PDB file of N, CA and C in Angstrom:
ATOM      1  N   MET A   1      18.972  22.991  33.743  1.00  0.00           N
ATOM      2  CA  MET A   1      19.455  21.587  33.504  1.00  0.00           C
ATOM      3  C   MET A   1      19.437  20.871  34.900  1.00  0.00           C
ATOM      4  N   PRO A   2      19.776  21.644  36.092  1.00  0.00           N
ATOM      5  CA  PRO A   2      19.637  20.950  37.397  1.00  0.00           C
ATOM      6  C   PRO A   2      18.249  20.533  37.623  1.00  0.00           C
ATOM      7  N   ARG A   3      17.318  21.235  37.252  1.00  0.00           N
ATOM      8  CA  ARG A   3      15.894  20.949  37.490  1.00  0.00           C
ATOM      9  C   ARG A   3      15.584  19.720  36.857  1.00  0.00           C
ATOM     10  N   PHE A   4      15.930  19.585  35.518  1.00  0.00           N
ATOM     11  CA  PHE A   4      15.521  18.370  34.692  1.00  0.00           C
ATOM     12  C   PHE A   4      16.273  17.113  35.339  1.00  0.00           C
ATOM     13  N   HIS A   5      17.451  17.265  35.642  1.00  0.00           N
ATOM     14  CA  HIS A   5      18.350  16.261  36.205  1.00  0.00           C
ATOM     15  C   HIS A   5      17.683  15.695  37.631  1.00  0.00           C
ATOM     16  N   ASN A   6      17.218  16.701  38.444  1.00  0.00           N
ATOM     17  CA  ASN A   6      16.573  16.319  39.623  1.00  0.00           C
ATOM     18  C   ASN A   6      15.295  15.445  39.305  1.00  0.00           C
ATOM     19  N   TRP A   7      14.503  16.049  38.408  1.00  0.00           N
ATOM     20  CA  TRP A   7      13.214  15.323  38.012  1.00  0.00           C
ATOM     21  C   TRP A   7      13.648  13.842  37.551  1.00  0.00           C
ATOM     22  N   LEU A   8      14.726  13.778  36.710  1.00  0.00           N
ATOM     23  CA  LEU A   8      15.029  12.515  36.163  1.00  0.00           C
ATOM     24  C   LEU A   8      15.520  11.509  37.239  1.00  0.00           C
ATOM     25  N   GLN A   9      16.308  12.057  38.169  1.00  0.00           N
ATOM     26  CA  GLN A   9      16.643  11.168  39.320  1.00  0.00           C
ATOM     27  C   GLN A   9      15.512  10.503  40.121  1.00  0.00           C
ATOM     28  N   HIS A  10      14.459  11.243  40.061  1.00  0.00           N
ATOM     29  CA  HIS A  10      13.208  10.675  40.877  1.00  0.00           C
ATOM     30  C   HIS A  10      12.192   9.926  39.916  1.00  0.00           C
ATOM     31  N   HIS A  11      12.209  10.146  38.730  1.00  0.00           N
ATOM     32  CA  HIS A  11      11.226   9.495  37.666  1.00  0.00           C
ATOM     33  C   HIS A  11      11.959   8.699  36.527  1.00  0.00           C
ATOM     34  N   ARG A  12      12.856   7.969  36.854  1.00  0.00           N
ATOM     35  CA  ARG A  12      13.652   7.214  35.726  1.00  0.00           C
ATOM     36  C   ARG A  12      12.714   6.271  35.032  1.00  0.00           C
ATOM     37  N   LEU A  13      11.860   5.611  35.758  1.00  0.00           N
ATOM     38  CA  LEU A  13      10.960   4.604  35.019  1.00  0.00           C
ATOM     39  C   LEU A  13      10.093   5.234  34.129  1.00  0.00           C
ATOM     40  N   ALA A  14       9.381   6.422  34.578  1.00  0.00           N
ATOM     41  CA  ALA A  14       8.504   7.201  33.587  1.00  0.00           C
ATOM     42  C   ALA A  14       9.322   7.651  32.349  1.00  0.00           C
ATOM     43  N   ALA A  15      10.519   8.239  32.640  1.00  0.00           N
ATOM     44  CA  ALA A  15      11.218   8.683  31.610  1.00  0.00           C
ATOM     45  C   ALA A  15      11.691   7.661  30.628  1.00  0.00           C
ATOM     46  N   PHE A  16      11.960   6.491  31.098  1.00  0.00           N
ATOM     47  CA  PHE A  16      12.337   5.282  30.357  1.00  0.00           C
ATOM     48  C   PHE A  16      11.031   4.896  29.421  1.00  0.00           C
ATOM     49  N   PHE A  17       9.862   4.724  29.948  1.00  0.00           N
ATOM     50  CA  PHE A  17       8.869   4.239  29.123  1.00  0.00           C
ATOM     51  C   PHE A  17       8.413   5.377  28.149  1.00  0.00           C
ATOM     52  N   VAL A  18       8.443   6.605  28.489  1.00  0.00           N
ATOM     53  CA  VAL A  18       8.207   7.571  27.477  1.00  0.00           C
ATOM     54  C   VAL A  18       9.179   7.576  26.327  1.00  0.00           C
ATOM     55  N   LEU A  19      10.355   7.618  26.664  1.00  0.00           N
ATOM     56  CA  LEU A  19      11.436   7.647  25.715  1.00  0.00           C
ATOM     57  C   LEU A  19      11.463   6.380  24.817  1.00  0.00           C
ATOM     58  N   ALA A  20      11.171   5.197  25.432  1.00  0.00           N
ATOM     59  CA  ALA A  20      11.096   4.088  24.711  1.00  0.00           C
ATOM     60  C   ALA A  20      10.158   4.013  23.689  1.00  0.00           C
ATOM     61  N   TYR A  21       8.891   4.604  24.078  1.00  0.00           N
ATOM     62  CA  TYR A  21       7.814   4.819  23.157  1.00  0.00           C
ATOM     63  C   TYR A  21       7.991   5.726  22.009  1.00  0.00           C
ATOM     64  N   VAL A  22       8.637   6.785  22.266  1.00  0.00           N
ATOM     65  CA  VAL A  22       8.971   7.834  21.361  1.00  0.00           C
ATOM     66  C   VAL A  22       9.865   7.306  20.377  1.00  0.00           C
ATOM     67  N   ILE A  23      10.893   6.630  20.733  1.00  0.00           N
ATOM     68  CA  ILE A  23      11.852   6.067  19.915  1.00  0.00           C
ATOM     69  C   ILE A  23      11.318   4.976  18.919  1.00  0.00           C
ATOM     70  N   ALA A  24      10.677   4.111  19.578  1.00  0.00           N
ATOM     71  CA  ALA A  24      10.039   2.972  18.824  1.00  0.00           C
ATOM     72  C   ALA A  24       9.048   3.386  17.733  1.00  0.00           C
ATOM     73  N   TRP A  25       8.309   4.446  17.919  1.00  0.00           N
ATOM     74  CA  TRP A  25       7.384   4.952  17.132  1.00  0.00           C
ATOM     75  C   TRP A  25       7.735   6.039  16.443  1.00  0.00           C
ATOM     76  N   SER A  26       9.025   6.483  16.400  1.00  0.00           N
ATOM     77  CA  SER A  26       9.495   7.858  15.900  1.00  0.00           C
ATOM     78  C   SER A  26       9.238   7.915  14.366  1.00  0.00           C
ATOM     79  N   SER A  27       9.041   6.671  13.663  1.00  0.00           N
ATOM     80  CA  SER A  27       8.763   6.822  12.102  1.00  0.00           C
ATOM     81  C   SER A  27       7.345   7.214  11.782  1.00  0.00           C
ATOM     82  N   TRP A  28       6.445   7.216  12.821  1.00  0.00           N
ATOM     83  CA  TRP A  28       5.116   7.506  12.574  1.00  0.00           C
ATOM     84  C   TRP A  28       4.789   9.014  11.999  1.00  0.00           C
ATOM     85  N   PRO A  29       5.452  10.022  12.608  1.00  0.00           N
ATOM     86  CA  PRO A  29       5.152  11.303  12.098  1.00  0.00           C
ATOM     87  C   PRO A  29       5.837  11.448  10.658  1.00  0.00           C
ATOM     88  N   VAL A  30       6.957  10.873  10.384  1.00  0.00           N
ATOM     89  CA  VAL A  30       7.386  10.897   8.921  1.00  0.00           C
ATOM     90  C   VAL A  30       6.377  10.202   7.875  1.00  0.00           C
ATOM     91  N   TYR A  31       5.962   9.097   8.346  1.00  0.00           N
ATOM     92  CA  TYR A  31       5.023   8.303   7.571  1.00  0.00           C
ATOM     93  C   TYR A  31       3.706   9.169   7.502  1.00  0.00           C
ATOM     94  N   ALA A  32       3.224   9.719   8.417  1.00  0.00           N
ATOM     95  CA  ALA A  32       1.975  10.555   8.346  1.00  0.00           C
ATOM     96  C   ALA A  32       2.106  11.758   7.472  1.00  0.00           C
ATOM     97  N   LEU A  33       3.318  12.212   7.367  1.00  0.00           N
ATOM     98  CA  LEU A  33       3.580  13.378   6.417  1.00  0.00           C
ATOM     99  C   LEU A  33       3.810  12.859   4.860  1.00  0.00           C
ATOM    100  N   GLY A  34       3.788  11.656   4.742  1.00  0.00           N
ATOM    101  CA  GLY A  34       3.969  11.118   3.347  1.00  0.00           C
ATOM    102  C   GLY A  34       5.443  10.970   2.888  1.00  0.00           C
ATOM    103  N   MET A  35       6.299  11.203   3.840  1.00  0.00           N
ATOM    104  CA  MET A  35       7.764  11.121   3.440  1.00  0.00           C
ATOM    105  C   MET A  35       8.225   9.778   3.563  1.00  0.00           C
ATOM    106  N   MET A  36       7.528   8.734   3.962  1.00  0.00           N
ATOM    107  CA  MET A  36       7.987   7.368   4.045  1.00  0.00           C
ATOM    108  C   MET A  36       6.920   6.466   3.439  1.00  0.00           C
ATOM    109  N   PRO A  37       7.345   5.480   2.694  1.00  0.00           N
ATOM    110  CA  PRO A  37       6.315   4.655   2.001  1.00  0.00           C
ATOM    111  C   PRO A  37       5.538   3.673   3.036  1.00  0.00           C
ATOM    112  N   ARG A  38       6.182   3.338   4.217  1.00  0.00           N
ATOM    113  CA  ARG A  38       5.362   2.611   5.189  1.00  0.00           C
ATOM    114  C   ARG A  38       5.965   2.924   6.583  1.00  0.00           C
ATOM    115  N   MET A  39       5.137   2.658   7.548  1.00  0.00           N
ATOM    116  CA  MET A  39       5.577   2.914   8.861  1.00  0.00           C
ATOM    117  C   MET A  39       6.304   1.753   9.500  1.00  0.00           C
ATOM    118  N   GLU A  40       7.439   2.099  10.098  1.00  0.00           N
ATOM    119  CA  GLU A  40       8.332   1.007  10.659  1.00  0.00           C
ATOM    120  C   GLU A  40       8.320   1.187  12.119  1.00  0.00           C
ATOM    121  N   PHE A  41       8.175   0.062  12.816  1.00  0.00           N
ATOM    122  CA  PHE A  41       8.329   0.107  14.393  1.00  0.00           C
ATOM    123  C   PHE A  41       9.784  -0.222  14.598  1.00  0.00           C
ATOM    124  N   LEU A  42      10.419   0.586  15.437  1.00  0.00           N
ATOM    125  CA  LEU A  42      11.854   0.403  15.722  1.00  0.00           C
ATOM    126  C   LEU A  42      12.038  -0.247  17.083  1.00  0.00           C
ATOM    127  N   PRO A  43      12.300  -1.630  16.912  1.00  0.00           N
ATOM    128  CA  PRO A  43      12.392  -2.435  18.231  1.00  0.00           C
ATOM    129  C   PRO A  43      13.717  -2.064  19.045  1.00  0.00           C
ATOM    130  N   ILE A  44      14.524  -1.189  18.537  1.00  0.00           N
ATOM    131  CA  ILE A  44      15.585  -0.716  19.398  1.00  0.00           C
ATOM    132  C   ILE A  44      15.328   0.384  20.407  1.00  0.00           C
ATOM    133  N   GLY A  45      13.885   0.745  20.339  1.00  0.00           N
ATOM    134  CA  GLY A  45      13.563   1.829  21.222  1.00  0.00           C
ATOM    135  C   GLY A  45      13.851   1.496  22.688  1.00  0.00           C
ATOM    136  N   PRO A  46      13.532   0.507  23.338  1.00  0.00           N
ATOM    137  CA  PRO A  46      13.646   0.177  24.742  1.00  0.00           C
ATOM    138  C   PRO A  46      15.158   0.088  25.087  1.00  0.00           C
ATOM    139  N   LEU A  47      16.013  -0.433  24.310  1.00  0.00           N
ATOM    140  CA  LEU A  47      17.394  -0.379  24.606  1.00  0.00           C
ATOM    141  C   LEU A  47      17.989   0.941  24.344  1.00  0.00           C
ATOM    142  N   ALA A  48      17.727   1.670  23.359  1.00  0.00           N
ATOM    143  CA  ALA A  48      18.066   3.085  23.292  1.00  0.00           C
ATOM    144  C   ALA A  48      17.685   3.956  24.437  1.00  0.00           C
ATOM    145  N   ALA A  49      16.382   3.829  24.896  1.00  0.00           N
ATOM    146  CA  ALA A  49      15.892   4.595  26.108  1.00  0.00           C
ATOM    147  C   ALA A  49      16.639   4.303  27.217  1.00  0.00           C
ATOM    148  N   ALA A  50      16.902   2.948  27.500  1.00  0.00           N
ATOM    149  CA  ALA A  50      17.739   2.476  28.741  1.00  0.00           C
ATOM    150  C   ALA A  50      19.146   3.166  28.680  1.00  0.00           C
ATOM    151  N   VAL A  51      19.823   3.151  27.607  1.00  0.00           N
ATOM    152  CA  VAL A  51      21.094   3.738  27.557  1.00  0.00           C
ATOM    153  C   VAL A  51      21.066   5.195  27.755  1.00  0.00           C
ATOM    154  N   ILE A  52      20.055   5.907  27.126  1.00  0.00           N
ATOM    155  CA  ILE A  52      19.958   7.279  27.403  1.00  0.00           C
ATOM    156  C   ILE A  52      19.648   7.625  28.789  1.00  0.00           C
ATOM    157  N   VAL A  53      18.708   7.016  29.426  1.00  0.00           N
ATOM    158  CA  VAL A  53      18.332   7.323  30.821  1.00  0.00           C
ATOM    159  C   VAL A  53      19.363   7.053  31.779  1.00  0.00           C
ATOM    160  N   ILE A  54      20.045   5.882  31.658  1.00  0.00           N
ATOM    161  CA  ILE A  54      21.192   5.612  32.458  1.00  0.00           C
ATOM    162  C   ILE A  54      22.244   6.774  32.304  1.00  0.00           C
ATOM    163  N   GLY A  55      22.586   7.182  31.097  1.00  0.00           N
ATOM    164  CA  GLY A  55      23.562   8.184  30.897  1.00  0.00           C
ATOM    165  C   GLY A  55      23.162   9.428  31.544  1.00  0.00           C
ATOM    166  N   LEU A  56      22.004   9.808  31.376  1.00  0.00           N
ATOM    167  CA  LEU A  56      21.539  11.156  32.039  1.00  0.00           C
ATOM    168  C   LEU A  56      21.370  11.100  33.491  1.00  0.00           C
ATOM    169  N   ALA A  57      20.965   9.933  33.958  1.00  0.00           N
ATOM    170  CA  ALA A  57      20.598   9.991  35.461  1.00  0.00           C
ATOM    171  C   ALA A  57      21.861   9.592  36.227  1.00  0.00           C
ATOM    172  N   GLU A  58      22.619   8.658  35.877  1.00  0.00           N
ATOM    173  CA  GLU A  58      23.776   8.269  36.549  1.00  0.00           C
ATOM    174  C   GLU A  58      25.172   8.395  36.029  1.00  0.00           C
ATOM    175  N   GLY A  59      25.238   8.559  34.615  1.00  0.00           N
ATOM    176  CA  GLY A  59      26.549   8.917  34.119  1.00  0.00           C
ATOM    177  C   GLY A  59      27.453   7.592  33.925  1.00  0.00           C
ATOM    178  N   ARG A  60      28.568   7.745  33.886  1.00  0.00           N
ATOM    179  CA  ARG A  60      29.586   6.752  33.761  1.00  0.00           C
ATOM    180  C   ARG A  60      29.476   5.559  34.739  1.00  0.00           C
ATOM    181  N   ALA A  61      29.181   5.927  35.977  1.00  0.00           N
ATOM    182  CA  ALA A  61      28.927   4.982  36.981  1.00  0.00           C
ATOM    183  C   ALA A  61      27.805   4.096  36.826  1.00  0.00           C
ATOM    184  N   GLY A  62      26.670   4.652  36.237  1.00  0.00           N
ATOM    185  CA  GLY A  62      25.643   3.924  36.002  1.00  0.00           C
ATOM    186  C   GLY A  62      25.875   2.937  34.877  1.00  0.00           C
ATOM    187  N   TYR A  63      26.731   3.265  33.695  1.00  0.00           N
ATOM    188  CA  TYR A  63      27.081   2.274  32.780  1.00  0.00           C
ATOM    189  C   TYR A  63      27.893   1.152  33.361  1.00  0.00           C
ATOM    190  N   LYS A  64      28.792   1.508  34.253  1.00  0.00           N
ATOM    191  CA  LYS A  64      29.618   0.436  34.869  1.00  0.00           C
ATOM    192  C   LYS A  64      28.658  -0.539  35.584  1.00  0.00           C
ATOM    193  N   ALA A  65      27.807   0.034  36.359  1.00  0.00           N
ATOM    194  CA  ALA A  65      26.953  -0.915  37.208  1.00  0.00           C
ATOM    195  C   ALA A  65      26.053  -1.761  36.191  1.00  0.00           C
ATOM    196  N   TRP A  66      25.577  -1.133  35.162  1.00  0.00           N
ATOM    197  CA  TRP A  66      24.679  -1.968  34.153  1.00  0.00           C
ATOM    198  C   TRP A  66      25.577  -3.084  33.432  1.00  0.00           C
ATOM    199  N   GLY A  67      26.772  -2.653  33.095  1.00  0.00           N
ATOM    200  CA  GLY A  67      27.567  -3.594  32.515  1.00  0.00           C
ATOM    201  C   GLY A  67      27.888  -4.729  33.342  1.00  0.00           C
ATOM    202  N   ARG A  68      28.159  -4.556  34.679  1.00  0.00           N
ATOM    203  CA  ARG A  68      28.443  -5.589  35.756  1.00  0.00           C
ATOM    204  C   ARG A  68      27.195  -6.543  35.869  1.00  0.00           C
ATOM    205  N   ARG A  69      26.034  -5.924  35.869  1.00  0.00           N
ATOM    206  CA  ARG A  69      24.870  -6.830  35.956  1.00  0.00           C
ATOM    207  C   ARG A  69      24.570  -7.588  34.826  1.00  0.00           C
ATOM    208  N   PHE A  70      25.071  -7.177  33.529  1.00  0.00           N
ATOM    209  CA  PHE A  70      24.979  -8.002  32.314  1.00  0.00           C
ATOM    210  C   PHE A  70      25.985  -9.298  32.529  1.00  0.00           C
ATOM    211  N   ILE A  71      27.085  -8.977  33.013  1.00  0.00           N
ATOM    212  CA  ILE A  71      28.099 -10.027  33.108  1.00  0.00           C
ATOM    213  C   ILE A  71      27.965 -11.047  34.262  1.00  0.00           C
ATOM    214  N   ARG A  72      27.453 -10.605  35.434  1.00  0.00           N
ATOM    215  CA  ARG A  72      27.311 -11.316  36.498  1.00  0.00           C
ATOM    216  C   ARG A  72      26.000 -12.151  36.514  1.00  0.00           C
ATOM    217  N   TRP A  73      26.285 -13.316  36.244  1.00  0.00           N
ATOM    218  CA  TRP A  73      25.067 -14.243  35.998  1.00  0.00           C
ATOM    219  C   TRP A  73      25.330 -15.407  37.076  1.00  0.00           C
ATOM    220  N   ARG A  74      24.601 -15.575  38.190  1.00  0.00           N
ATOM    221  CA  ARG A  74      24.830 -16.537  39.050  1.00  0.00           C
ATOM    222  C   ARG A  74      24.363 -17.964  38.871  1.00  0.00           C
ATOM    223  N   VAL A  75      24.909 -18.588  37.863  1.00  0.00           N
ATOM    224  CA  VAL A  75      24.589 -19.863  37.616  1.00  0.00           C
ATOM    225  C   VAL A  75      25.776 -20.600  37.332  1.00  0.00           C
ATOM    226  N   GLY A  76      25.906 -21.894  37.194  1.00  0.00           N
ATOM    227  CA  GLY A  76      27.022 -22.618  36.930  1.00  0.00           C
ATOM    228  C   GLY A  76      27.462 -22.471  35.501  1.00  0.00           C
ATOM    229  N   TRP A  77      28.801 -22.886  35.232  1.00  0.00           N
ATOM    230  CA  TRP A  77      29.331 -22.750  33.890  1.00  0.00           C
ATOM    231  C   TRP A  77      28.557 -23.369  32.705  1.00  0.00           C
ATOM    232  N   ALA A  78      27.867 -24.628  33.191  1.00  0.00           N
ATOM    233  CA  ALA A  78      27.172 -25.439  32.212  1.00  0.00           C
ATOM    234  C   ALA A  78      25.890 -24.671  31.627  1.00  0.00           C
ATOM    235  N   TRP A  79      25.397 -23.674  32.446  1.00  0.00           N
ATOM    236  CA  TRP A  79      24.269 -22.825  31.973  1.00  0.00           C
ATOM    237  C   TRP A  79      24.764 -21.778  30.945  1.00  0.00           C
ATOM    238  N   TYR A  80      25.935 -21.262  31.213  1.00  0.00           N
ATOM    239  CA  TYR A  80      26.497 -20.487  30.283  1.00  0.00           C
ATOM    240  C   TYR A  80      26.615 -21.165  28.886  1.00  0.00           C
ATOM    241  N   ALA A  81      27.111 -22.343  28.869  1.00  0.00           N
ATOM    242  CA  ALA A  81      27.104 -23.088  27.713  1.00  0.00           C
ATOM    243  C   ALA A  81      25.847 -23.390  26.999  1.00  0.00           C
ATOM    244  N   VAL A  82      24.789 -23.577  27.740  1.00  0.00           N
ATOM    245  CA  VAL A  82      23.465 -23.800  27.201  1.00  0.00           C
ATOM    246  C   VAL A  82      23.067 -22.589  26.726  1.00  0.00           C
ATOM    247  N   ALA A  83      23.241 -21.371  27.297  1.00  0.00           N
ATOM    248  CA  ALA A  83      22.814 -20.139  26.692  1.00  0.00           C
ATOM    249  C   ALA A  83      23.458 -19.815  25.461  1.00  0.00           C
ATOM    250  N   VAL A  84      24.735 -19.958  25.364  1.00  0.00           N
ATOM    251  CA  VAL A  84      25.488 -19.666  24.197  1.00  0.00           C
ATOM    252  C   VAL A  84      25.223 -20.603  22.918  1.00  0.00           C
ATOM    253  N   CYS A  85      25.131 -21.843  23.261  1.00  0.00           N
ATOM    254  CA  CYS A  85      24.946 -22.910  22.209  1.00  0.00           C
ATOM    255  C   CYS A  85      23.571 -23.031  21.895  1.00  0.00           C
ATOM    256  N   SER A  86      22.516 -22.707  22.510  1.00  0.00           N
ATOM    257  CA  SER A  86      21.115 -22.979  22.340  1.00  0.00           C
ATOM    258  C   SER A  86      20.716 -22.155  20.995  1.00  0.00           C
ATOM    259  N   ALA A  87      21.211 -21.175  20.808  1.00  0.00           N
ATOM    260  CA  ALA A  87      20.777 -20.271  19.716  1.00  0.00           C
ATOM    261  C   ALA A  87      21.187 -20.784  18.357  1.00  0.00           C
ATOM    262  N   THR A  88      22.156 -21.610  18.323  1.00  0.00           N
ATOM    263  CA  THR A  88      22.760 -22.255  17.083  1.00  0.00           C
ATOM    264  C   THR A  88      22.233 -23.636  16.897  1.00  0.00           C
ATOM    265  N   THR A  89      21.492 -24.237  17.750  1.00  0.00           N
ATOM    266  CA  THR A  89      21.087 -25.661  17.565  1.00  0.00           C
ATOM    267  C   THR A  89      19.832 -25.691  16.728  1.00  0.00           C
ATOM    268  N   PRO A  90      19.577 -26.887  16.025  1.00  0.00           N
ATOM    269  CA  PRO A  90      18.354 -26.960  15.174  1.00  0.00           C
ATOM    270  C   PRO A  90      17.151 -26.942  16.060  1.00  0.00           C
ATOM    271  N   ALA A  91      17.271 -27.385  17.463  1.00  0.00           N
ATOM    272  CA  ALA A  91      16.030 -27.331  18.449  1.00  0.00           C
ATOM    273  C   ALA A  91      15.478 -26.009  18.529  1.00  0.00           C
ATOM    274  N   CYS A  92      16.205 -24.940  18.225  1.00  0.00           N
ATOM    275  CA  CYS A  92      15.573 -23.741  18.333  1.00  0.00           C
ATOM    276  C   CYS A  92      14.960 -23.198  17.093  1.00  0.00           C
ATOM    277  N   ARG A  93      14.964 -23.874  16.112  1.00  0.00           N
ATOM    278  CA  ARG A  93      14.317 -23.443  14.910  1.00  0.00           C
ATOM    279  C   ARG A  93      12.732 -23.744  15.020  1.00  0.00           C
ATOM    280  N   PRO A  94      11.888 -23.035  14.290  1.00  0.00           N
ATOM    281  CA  PRO A  94      10.463 -23.336  14.515  1.00  0.00           C
ATOM    282  C   PRO A  94      10.125 -24.699  14.147  1.00  0.00           C
ATOM    283  N   THR A  95       9.073 -25.234  14.817  1.00  0.00           N
ATOM    284  CA  THR A  95       8.546 -26.578  14.760  1.00  0.00           C
ATOM    285  C   THR A  95       8.202 -26.900  13.254  1.00  0.00           C
ATOM    286  N   GLU A  96       7.585 -26.026  12.672  1.00  0.00           N
ATOM    287  CA  GLU A  96       7.182 -26.248  11.274  1.00  0.00           C
ATOM    288  C   GLU A  96       8.289 -26.528  10.373  1.00  0.00           C
ATOM    289  N   TYR A  97       9.403 -25.901  10.572  1.00  0.00           N
ATOM    290  CA  TYR A  97      10.626 -26.080   9.688  1.00  0.00           C
ATOM    291  C   TYR A  97      11.201 -27.311  10.071  1.00  0.00           C
ATOM    292  N   ARG A  98      11.300 -27.890  11.296  1.00  0.00           N
ATOM    293  CA  ARG A  98      11.862 -29.129  11.630  1.00  0.00           C
ATOM    294  C   ARG A  98      10.982 -30.237  11.181  1.00  0.00           C
ATOM    295  N   SER A  99       9.717 -30.121  11.143  1.00  0.00           N
ATOM    296  CA  SER A  99       8.934 -31.197  10.904  1.00  0.00           C
ATOM    297  C   SER A  99       8.598 -31.327   9.327  1.00  0.00           C
ATOM    298  N   GLY A 100       9.221 -30.435   8.584  1.00  0.00           N
ATOM    299  CA  GLY A 100       9.024 -30.530   7.145  1.00  0.00           C
ATOM    300  C   GLY A 100       7.834 -29.908   6.540  1.00  0.00           C
ATOM    301  N   TRP A 101       6.960 -29.237   7.426  1.00  0.00           N
ATOM    302  CA  TRP A 101       5.698 -28.531   6.903  1.00  0.00           C
ATOM    303  C   TRP A 101       6.194 -27.333   6.133  1.00  0.00           C
ATOM    304  N   PRO A 102       5.423 -26.911   5.148  1.00  0.00           N
ATOM    305  CA  PRO A 102       5.825 -25.908   4.329  1.00  0.00           C
ATOM    306  C   PRO A 102       5.616 -24.537   5.087  1.00  0.00           C
ATOM    307  N   TRP A 103       6.560 -23.628   4.662  1.00  0.00           N
ATOM    308  CA  TRP A 103       6.370 -22.118   5.199  1.00  0.00           C
ATOM    309  C   TRP A 103       5.112 -21.556   4.541  1.00  0.00           C
ATOM    310  N   PRO A 104       4.470 -20.652   5.298  1.00  0.00           N
ATOM    311  CA  PRO A 104       3.330 -19.962   4.565  1.00  0.00           C
ATOM    312  C   PRO A 104       3.748 -19.091   3.573  1.00  0.00           C
ATOM    313  N   HIS A 105       2.879 -18.996   2.360  1.00  0.00           N
ATOM    314  CA  HIS A 105       3.367 -18.129   1.268  1.00  0.00           C
ATOM    315  C   HIS A 105       2.678 -16.952   1.245  1.00  0.00           C
ATOM    316  N   TRP A 106       3.423 -15.693   1.382  1.00  0.00           N
ATOM    317  CA  TRP A 106       2.694 -14.455   1.443  1.00  0.00           C
ATOM    318  C   TRP A 106       2.864 -13.648   0.256  1.00  0.00           C
ATOM    319  N   GLY A 107       3.119 -14.331  -0.785  1.00  0.00           N
ATOM    320  CA  GLY A 107       3.315 -13.550  -2.148  1.00  0.00           C
ATOM    321  C   GLY A 107       4.539 -12.912  -2.257  1.00  0.00           C
ATOM    322  N   GLY A 108       5.698 -13.458  -1.620  1.00  0.00           N
ATOM    323  CA  GLY A 108       6.860 -12.908  -1.802  1.00  0.00           C
ATOM    324  C   GLY A 108       7.204 -11.582  -0.749  1.00  0.00           C
ATOM    325  N   ARG A 109       6.122 -11.400   0.182  1.00  0.00           N
ATOM    326  CA  ARG A 109       6.351 -10.250   1.147  1.00  0.00           C
ATOM    327  C   ARG A 109       5.966 -10.938   2.521  1.00  0.00           C
ATOM    328  N   SER A 110       6.773 -10.528   3.530  1.00  0.00           N
ATOM    329  CA  SER A 110       6.519 -10.937   4.845  1.00  0.00           C
ATOM    330  C   SER A 110       5.267 -10.347   5.467  1.00  0.00           C
ATOM    331  N   PRO A 111       4.577 -10.919   6.357  1.00  0.00           N
ATOM    332  CA  PRO A 111       3.441 -10.214   7.052  1.00  0.00           C
ATOM    333  C   PRO A 111       3.873  -9.107   7.797  1.00  0.00           C
ATOM    334  N   ALA A 112       5.132  -9.167   8.332  1.00  0.00           N
ATOM    335  CA  ALA A 112       5.706  -8.113   9.270  1.00  0.00           C
ATOM    336  C   ALA A 112       5.775  -6.845   8.310  1.00  0.00           C
ATOM    337  N   ALA A 113       6.084  -7.019   7.059  1.00  0.00           N
ATOM    338  CA  ALA A 113       6.318  -5.752   6.223  1.00  0.00           C
ATOM    339  C   ALA A 113       5.029  -5.424   5.716  1.00  0.00           C
ATOM    340  N   GLY A 114       3.771  -5.788   6.188  1.00  0.00           N
ATOM    341  CA  GLY A 114       2.468  -5.434   5.573  1.00  0.00           C
ATOM    342  C   GLY A 114       2.233  -6.234   4.381  1.00  0.00           C
ATOM    343  N   GLY A 115       2.838  -7.504   4.268  1.00  0.00           N
ATOM    344  CA  GLY A 115       2.596  -8.140   2.869  1.00  0.00           C
ATOM    345  C   GLY A 115       1.620  -9.285   3.056  1.00  0.00           C
ATOM    346  N   ALA A 116       0.569  -9.202   3.982  1.00  0.00           N
ATOM    347  CA  ALA A 116      -0.619 -10.083   4.106  1.00  0.00           C
ATOM    348  C   ALA A 116      -1.315 -10.037   2.730  1.00  0.00           C
ATOM    349  N   ALA A 117      -1.846 -11.091   2.535  1.00  0.00           N
ATOM    350  CA  ALA A 117      -2.637 -11.375   1.325  1.00  0.00           C
ATOM    351  C   ALA A 117      -3.895 -10.319   1.180  1.00  0.00           C
ATOM    352  N   LYS A 118      -4.092  -9.759   0.252  1.00  0.00           N
ATOM    353  CA  LYS A 118      -5.259  -8.824   0.094  1.00  0.00           C
ATOM    354  C   LYS A 118      -6.385  -9.483  -0.529  1.00  0.00           C
ATOM    355  N   HIS A 119      -7.535  -9.334   0.025  1.00  0.00           N
ATOM    356  CA  HIS A 119      -8.733  -9.931  -0.538  1.00  0.00           C
ATOM    357  C   HIS A 119      -9.604  -9.050  -1.278  1.00  0.00           C
ATOM    358  N   SER A 120     -10.061  -9.440  -2.364  1.00  0.00           N
ATOM    359  CA  SER A 120     -10.855  -8.539  -3.181  1.00  0.00           C
ATOM    360  C   SER A 120     -12.256  -8.759  -3.186  1.00  0.00           C
TER     361      SER A 120
END
């Protein structure tokens, strides 16, 4: 274990990228074996990899420093209000929705779920 810990201390970025990729595409082997109906990309991969690498490399002190960086944002209070309120305003909705244009029809399935129209 000390050898792995020493390697991780010097190669955090490489460990993060490898772990993020493995977590994000972890459903591929299950799909390839036919145990899942479709392959899913897991967008939580980078966040999970960051949490794991920080925990293994720095421990509790690393989590505290990471949390402080999340909270400490060096801007005025008005920008905090903009950041919090902007996600709930109609201006953040897609342009097509605000302008009254119709949403694309995918036959009841979203294109992200593999529901693009099939051409015969």
